[in-house]
Amino acid sequence: MLERLLSLFQPGKTIPTLPPVDAQHALGALLVRAAKVDRAYLFEEVEEIDNLLSHLYDLNPVQAAKLRASCEKLEQAMPETETLARVLHDAIPLAEREAAVKSLWSVVLSDGMEQPEEGEFLHQIERTLGVSPKRAMHIHAAAAMEAGQL
């Protein structure tokens, strides 16, 4: 850790820059954080994130993987989940926020197991995004059905 800090002050070294905190990167960072909330960042979750980013933003697989990598950096640097969710809330309409919630559930369910901490995490984001509990329940059920868990 100390070596990494000291390396930032060596001549010729540049300080890594973070991606912008816009709606696209905020959603990507939330997708990454949702995958990591159970303390296991599995291949299935990474693959699902890449697929979602590719579909949502019309990216080829390489572009989606690069965007995810950028979002991973943002996720590590942003300690507050609510800050990322607030960026989405302020930038996109309710229908897109509901689609974001479905994407988050899709990532959480992609490993075939839903852990209690994942549900708690998603419910926190649903509240911040302004998605009603009733609507959130329907979105969760639809995502579970698509994942083959209902």
Protein backbone atom coordinates (compact mmCIF):
# COMPACT_ATOMS: atom_id res chain seq x y z
CA MET A 1 0.00 0.00 0.00
CA LEU A 2 2.76 2.43 0.97
CA GLU A 3 4.67 1.51 -2.17
CA ARG A 4 1.63 2.34 -4.29
CA LEU A 5 1.26 5.73 -2.61
CA LEU A 6 4.94 6.53 -3.00
CA SER A 7 4.86 5.52 -6.67
CA LEU A 8 2.40 8.34 -7.32
CA PHE A 9 5.06 10.88 -6.37
CA GLN A 10 7.81 9.50 -8.57
CA PRO A 11 8.82 11.62 -11.57
CA GLY A 12 7.11 10.54 -14.75
CA LYS A 13 4.25 8.86 -12.95
CA THR A 14 0.75 10.17 -13.51
CA ILE A 15 -2.10 10.03 -11.08
CA PRO A 16 -4.86 7.80 -12.44
CA THR A 17 -7.99 9.71 -13.35
CA LEU A 18 -11.50 8.59 -12.61
CA PRO A 19 -14.24 8.38 -15.22
CA PRO A 20 -16.93 11.04 -15.12
CA VAL A 21 -19.75 10.58 -12.66
CA ASP A 22 -22.49 10.67 -15.27
CA ALA A 23 -25.56 8.45 -15.53
CA GLN A 24 -23.81 5.85 -17.69
CA HIS A 25 -20.85 5.45 -15.35
CA ALA A 26 -23.01 5.69 -12.22
CA LEU A 27 -25.19 2.82 -13.43
CA GLY A 28 -22.13 0.78 -14.38
CA ALA A 29 -20.57 1.41 -10.97
CA LEU A 30 -23.82 0.39 -9.26
CA LEU A 31 -23.93 -2.80 -11.35
CA VAL A 32 -20.38 -3.60 -10.23
CA ARG A 33 -21.20 -2.79 -6.60
CA ALA A 34 -24.33 -4.99 -6.79
CA ALA A 35 -22.17 -7.86 -8.03
CA LYS A 36 -19.69 -7.35 -5.19
CA VAL A 37 -22.16 -6.83 -2.34
CA ASP A 38 -22.05 -10.53 -1.41
CA ARG A 39 -18.23 -10.34 -1.35
CA ALA A 40 -17.93 -12.54 -4.46
CA TYR A 41 -17.37 -10.95 -7.87
CA LEU A 42 -18.02 -13.91 -10.12
CA PHE A 43 -17.50 -14.41 -13.85
CA GLU A 44 -21.26 -14.76 -14.40
CA GLU A 45 -21.80 -11.33 -12.86
CA VAL A 46 -19.03 -9.72 -14.92
CA GLU A 47 -20.47 -11.30 -18.06
CA GLU A 48 -23.97 -10.06 -17.18
CA ILE A 49 -22.66 -6.53 -16.55
CA ASP A 50 -20.91 -6.53 -19.92
CA ASN A 51 -24.05 -7.81 -21.65
CA LEU A 52 -26.21 -5.17 -19.98
CA LEU A 53 -23.82 -2.32 -20.79
CA SER A 54 -23.57 -3.54 -24.38
CA HIS A 55 -27.35 -3.66 -24.74
CA LEU A 56 -28.12 -0.42 -22.87
CA TYR A 57 -25.55 1.72 -24.65
CA ASP A 58 -25.27 -0.07 -28.02
CA LEU A 59 -21.65 -1.12 -27.47
CA ASN A 60 -19.67 -3.98 -28.94
CA PRO A 61 -18.23 -6.51 -26.44
CA VAL A 62 -14.82 -4.80 -26.23
CA GLN A 63 -16.36 -1.37 -25.66
CA ALA A 64 -18.67 -2.81 -22.98
CA ALA A 65 -15.72 -4.46 -21.19
CA LYS A 66 -13.78 -1.18 -21.28
CA LEU A 67 -16.77 0.70 -19.89
CA ARG A 68 -17.14 -1.90 -17.12
CA ALA A 69 -13.43 -1.57 -16.25
CA SER A 70 -13.87 2.19 -16.05
CA CYS A 71 -16.95 1.72 -13.86
CA GLU A 72 -15.01 -0.64 -11.59
CA LYS A 73 -12.55 2.19 -10.90
CA LEU A 74 -15.40 4.58 -10.14
CA GLU A 75 -17.08 2.01 -7.88
CA GLN A 76 -13.88 1.62 -5.86
CA ALA A 77 -13.41 5.37 -5.50
CA MET A 78 -17.03 6.22 -4.61
CA PRO A 79 -17.74 5.17 -1.04
CA GLU A 80 -21.40 6.19 -1.00
CA THR A 81 -23.86 4.04 -2.92
CA GLU A 82 -26.49 6.71 -2.42
CA THR A 83 -24.32 9.25 -4.27
CA LEU A 84 -24.19 7.01 -7.34
CA ALA A 85 -27.92 6.31 -7.15
CA ARG A 86 -28.64 10.03 -6.75
CA VAL A 87 -26.75 10.73 -10.00
CA LEU A 88 -29.12 8.31 -11.77
CA HIS A 89 -32.18 9.73 -10.04
CA ASP A 90 -31.34 13.24 -11.15
CA ALA A 91 -30.30 12.31 -14.71
CA ILE A 92 -32.90 9.89 -16.02
CA PRO A 93 -36.72 9.59 -15.99
CA LEU A 94 -38.59 7.10 -13.79
CA ALA A 95 -39.03 4.51 -16.56
CA GLU A 96 -35.25 4.37 -17.06
CA ARG A 97 -34.69 4.23 -13.30
CA GLU A 98 -37.01 1.22 -13.16
CA ALA A 99 -35.05 -0.37 -16.01
CA ALA A 100 -31.86 0.29 -14.02
CA VAL A 101 -33.37 -1.53 -11.02
CA LYS A 102 -34.19 -4.50 -13.26
CA SER A 103 -30.60 -4.49 -14.54
CA LEU A 104 -29.30 -4.46 -10.98
CA TRP A 105 -31.49 -7.43 -10.07
CA SER A 106 -30.31 -9.18 -13.21
CA VAL A 107 -26.69 -8.88 -12.06
CA VAL A 108 -27.49 -9.99 -8.50
CA LEU A 109 -29.39 -13.04 -9.77
CA SER A 110 -26.87 -13.98 -12.48
CA ASP A 111 -24.87 -16.19 -10.11
CA GLY A 112 -27.97 -18.27 -9.32
CA MET A 113 -28.17 -17.23 -5.68
CA GLU A 114 -29.85 -14.29 -3.99
CA GLN A 115 -28.27 -13.36 -0.68
CA PRO A 116 -30.09 -11.27 1.97
CA GLU A 117 -27.47 -8.50 1.77
CA GLU A 118 -28.09 -8.22 -1.97
CA GLY A 119 -31.80 -7.63 -1.39
CA GLU A 120 -31.06 -5.01 1.27
CA PHE A 121 -28.64 -3.28 -1.08
CA LEU A 122 -31.12 -3.22 -3.97
CA HIS A 123 -33.96 -1.98 -1.76
CA GLN A 124 -31.76 0.93 -0.66
CA ILE A 125 -31.12 1.84 -4.31
CA GLU A 126 -34.81 1.45 -5.21
CA ARG A 127 -35.73 3.98 -2.52
CA THR A 128 -33.08 6.45 -3.68
CA LEU A 129 -34.23 6.08 -7.29
CA GLY A 130 -37.82 6.77 -6.27
CA VAL A 131 -39.16 3.36 -7.31
CA SER A 132 -42.17 2.45 -5.18
CA PRO A 133 -41.97 -0.74 -3.10
CA LYS A 134 -44.90 -2.25 -5.02
CA ARG A 135 -43.31 -1.52 -8.39
CA ALA A 136 -39.92 -2.71 -7.11
CA MET A 137 -41.50 -6.02 -6.06
CA HIS A 138 -42.85 -6.51 -9.61
CA ILE A 139 -39.47 -5.64 -11.14
CA HIS A 140 -37.74 -8.11 -8.82
CA ALA A 141 -40.22 -10.86 -9.72
CA ALA A 142 -39.75 -10.21 -13.46
CA ALA A 143 -35.96 -10.32 -13.12
CA ALA A 144 -36.16 -13.53 -11.07
CA MET A 145 -38.41 -15.10 -13.68
CA GLU A 146 -36.00 -14.16 -16.47
CA ALA A 147 -33.13 -15.60 -14.45
CA GLY A 148 -35.08 -18.84 -14.04
CA GLN A 149 -35.39 -18.47 -10.27
CA LEU A 150 -39.21 -18.45 -10.05
